């Protein structure tokens, strides 16, 4: 393994956030807007590397969002979901086609048992009875499916009993 491969492996490794038990250090004036943009004291964080670093230590627990390290935990605000699925493609496997979801940070998530699609109320919607699709991620996090991606998926969704479903990795997921 060369240095580039090791660097990539470390970048892709998921930190064990659920096993860390740091002290709570208070609130931090960071907010993630509904479009997935990150803000510090109401100013956008434009450094993508900084946002990616923060996103790696983001966790949702006890009804709140935190940035968590082995030595401290700070609460932040999230308007809706911390991430947005902005693109997708099909990944072929020996058994099934797998829908690969790409979020606003360029990370890839495979729609399947480990990352299912769920329907939930959009907290910013005017009517609370409309449910929208979100991709379930690690550590209680979700990614909202962008309108553009939603309509692309609707093109190949199958209607069953007035509900629409898509298939990925041999699983069925309700789209709406």
Protein backbone atom coordinates (compact mmCIF):
# COMPACT_ATOMS: atom_id res chain seq x y z
CA UNK A 1 0.00 0.00 0.00
CA UNK A 2 1.47 3.35 -1.01
CA UNK A 3 1.00 6.70 0.72
CA UNK A 4 -1.83 7.79 -1.60
CA UNK A 5 -3.75 4.58 -0.92
CA UNK A 6 -3.24 4.91 2.84
CA UNK A 7 -4.37 8.53 2.73
CA UNK A 8 -7.52 7.54 0.83
CA UNK A 9 -8.21 4.70 3.29
CA UNK A 10 -7.95 7.05 6.27
CA UNK A 11 -10.16 9.61 4.54
CA UNK A 12 -12.80 6.98 3.80
CA UNK A 13 -12.69 5.37 7.26
CA UNK A 14 -15.73 6.10 9.40
CA UNK A 15 -14.78 7.46 12.83
CA UNK A 16 -16.31 5.49 15.75
CA UNK A 17 -18.55 8.36 16.89
CA UNK A 18 -20.97 6.05 18.68
CA UNK A 19 -18.19 4.71 20.94
CA UNK A 20 -16.84 8.12 21.96
CA UNK A 21 -18.24 9.60 25.20
CA UNK A 22 -16.81 13.13 25.49
CA UNK A 23 -17.99 15.93 27.75
CA UNK A 24 -20.64 18.28 26.36
CA UNK A 25 -19.01 21.67 25.81
CA UNK A 26 -22.07 23.74 24.88
CA UNK A 27 -23.54 25.15 21.70
CA UNK A 28 -21.48 26.25 18.71
CA UNK A 29 -22.93 28.88 16.32
CA UNK A 30 -22.84 26.53 13.33
CA UNK A 31 -25.99 25.96 11.30
CA UNK A 32 -26.64 23.68 8.35
CA UNK A 33 -29.26 25.23 6.07
CA UNK A 34 -31.91 23.25 4.19
CA UNK A 35 -29.81 23.38 1.02
CA UNK A 36 -26.94 21.61 2.82
CA UNK A 37 -24.77 24.71 3.15
CA UNK A 38 -22.86 25.21 6.40
CA UNK A 39 -22.74 28.56 8.20
CA UNK A 40 -20.72 29.86 11.14
CA UNK A 41 -22.20 32.88 12.94
CA UNK A 42 -24.53 33.40 9.93
CA UNK A 43 -21.63 33.48 7.44
CA UNK A 44 -21.22 30.66 4.90
CA UNK A 45 -18.33 28.28 5.40
CA UNK A 46 -16.88 28.27 1.89
CA UNK A 47 -13.93 25.97 2.54
CA UNK A 48 -15.13 22.58 1.34
CA UNK A 49 -12.36 20.78 3.22
CA UNK A 50 -13.55 22.35 6.49
CA UNK A 51 -17.16 21.31 5.82
CA UNK A 52 -16.05 17.77 4.96
CA UNK A 53 -14.04 17.60 8.18
CA UNK A 54 -17.00 18.76 10.26
CA UNK A 55 -19.34 16.36 8.43
CA UNK A 56 -17.16 13.40 9.44
CA UNK A 57 -17.78 14.09 13.15
CA UNK A 58 -21.48 15.00 12.85
CA UNK A 59 -23.92 12.81 14.77
CA UNK A 60 -27.63 12.95 15.63
CA UNK A 61 -28.38 11.70 19.13
CA UNK A 62 -31.02 12.43 21.75
CA UNK A 63 -32.94 14.59 19.28
CA UNK A 64 -30.08 16.99 18.48
CA UNK A 65 -27.10 17.37 16.16
CA UNK A 66 -23.57 17.43 17.54
CA UNK A 67 -20.01 17.68 16.31
CA UNK A 68 -18.30 14.99 18.35
CA UNK A 69 -14.65 14.16 18.90
CA UNK A 70 -13.03 11.89 21.50
CA UNK A 71 -12.58 14.86 23.86
CA UNK A 72 -15.51 17.23 23.26
CA UNK A 73 -19.05 17.44 21.94
CA UNK A 74 -20.75 20.64 20.76
CA UNK A 75 -24.34 21.14 19.66
CA UNK A 76 -25.12 22.70 16.28
CA UNK A 77 -28.37 23.60 14.49
CA UNK A 78 -29.72 21.89 11.36
CA UNK A 79 -32.74 23.33 9.50
CA UNK A 80 -33.81 20.08 7.85
CA UNK A 81 -31.39 17.29 6.94
CA UNK A 82 -27.66 17.96 7.15
CA UNK A 83 -27.05 16.64 3.63
CA UNK A 84 -28.81 16.69 0.26
CA UNK A 85 -28.69 14.00 -2.42
CA UNK A 86 -27.86 15.99 -5.55
CA UNK A 87 -26.97 13.26 -8.05
CA UNK A 88 -27.08 9.52 -8.54
CA UNK A 89 -26.08 6.68 -10.84
CA UNK A 90 -26.48 2.95 -11.17
CA UNK A 91 -23.76 0.61 -9.89
CA UNK A 92 -23.95 -2.85 -11.37
CA UNK A 93 -23.30 -5.87 -9.19
CA UNK A 94 -23.38 -9.58 -9.91
CA UNK A 95 -26.76 -9.88 -8.25
CA UNK A 96 -28.65 -6.57 -8.58
CA UNK A 97 -28.37 -3.01 -9.73
CA UNK A 98 -27.57 -0.66 -6.86
CA UNK A 99 -28.60 2.96 -6.81
CA UNK A 100 -25.60 5.07 -5.81
CA UNK A 101 -26.65 8.38 -4.22
CA UNK A 102 -24.21 11.30 -4.31
CA UNK A 103 -24.58 14.01 -1.67
CA UNK A 104 -23.76 17.71 -1.75
CA UNK A 105 -20.24 16.95 -0.47
CA UNK A 106 -19.57 14.46 -3.28
CA UNK A 107 -19.79 11.42 -1.01
CA UNK A 108 -21.39 8.25 -2.32
CA UNK A 109 -24.00 6.20 -0.46
CA UNK A 110 -25.49 2.96 -1.78
CA UNK A 111 -29.27 2.70 -1.40
CA UNK A 112 -29.92 -0.61 0.36
CA UNK A 113 -30.38 -2.24 3.76
CA UNK A 114 -27.63 -0.16 5.40
CA UNK A 115 -28.83 3.11 3.87
CA UNK A 116 -32.59 2.80 3.29
CA UNK A 117 -34.92 5.42 1.91
CA UNK A 118 -37.49 6.66 4.44
CA UNK A 119 -40.45 9.01 4.14
CA UNK A 120 -40.79 11.70 6.76
CA UNK A 121 -42.31 15.13 7.19
CA UNK A 122 -40.27 18.05 5.96
CA UNK A 123 -39.95 20.30 9.05
CA UNK A 124 -39.92 23.41 6.84
CA UNK A 125 -42.98 22.52 4.74
CA UNK A 126 -46.13 24.58 5.12
CA UNK A 127 -48.26 21.47 5.40
CA UNK A 128 -47.03 18.79 7.77
CA UNK A 129 -49.00 15.93 6.18
CA UNK A 130 -46.75 15.66 3.10
CA UNK A 131 -43.91 13.20 3.49
CA UNK A 132 -40.68 13.47 1.52
CA UNK A 133 -37.94 10.91 0.88
CA UNK A 134 -34.70 10.99 2.87
CA UNK A 135 -31.74 8.65 2.69
CA UNK A 136 -30.75 7.17 6.05
CA UNK A 137 -27.03 7.54 6.77
CA UNK A 138 -24.74 6.53 9.63
CA UNK A 139 -25.09 7.89 13.18
CA UNK A 140 -28.76 8.91 12.89
CA UNK A 141 -28.11 11.32 10.02
CA UNK A 142 -30.18 11.75 6.87
CA UNK A 143 -29.84 13.27 3.44
CA UNK A 144 -32.85 14.88 1.82
CA UNK A 145 -33.49 13.80 -1.76
CA UNK A 146 -33.29 16.90 -3.97
CA UNK A 147 -36.28 17.75 -6.13
CA UNK A 148 -34.24 17.10 -9.30
CA UNK A 149 -33.19 13.61 -8.17
CA UNK A 150 -36.71 12.86 -6.94
CA UNK A 151 -38.20 13.58 -10.38
CA UNK A 152 -35.52 11.52 -12.11
CA UNK A 153 -36.34 8.58 -9.85
CA UNK A 154 -40.06 9.10 -10.45
CA UNK A 155 -39.42 8.34 -14.13
CA UNK A 156 -38.65 4.69 -13.36
CA UNK A 157 -40.62 4.21 -10.13
CA UNK A 158 -43.26 1.48 -10.13
CA UNK A 159 -46.76 2.19 -8.90
CA UNK A 160 -48.22 -0.35 -6.49
CA UNK A 161 -51.57 0.41 -4.79
CA UNK A 162 -51.27 4.17 -5.49
CA UNK A 163 -47.77 4.31 -3.99
CA UNK A 164 -44.52 4.62 -5.91
CA UNK A 165 -41.49 2.41 -5.31
CA UNK A 166 -37.93 2.14 -6.55
CA UNK A 167 -35.67 -0.89 -6.29
CA UNK A 168 -32.01 -1.06 -5.33
CA UNK A 169 -29.78 -3.90 -4.10
CA UNK A 170 -32.73 -6.29 -4.21
CA UNK A 171 -34.79 -4.11 -1.85
CA UNK A 172 -37.97 -2.09 -2.45
CA UNK A 173 -38.17 1.52 -1.21
CA UNK A 174 -41.20 3.77 -1.18
CA UNK A 175 -40.62 7.01 -3.06
CA UNK A 176 -44.02 8.54 -2.45
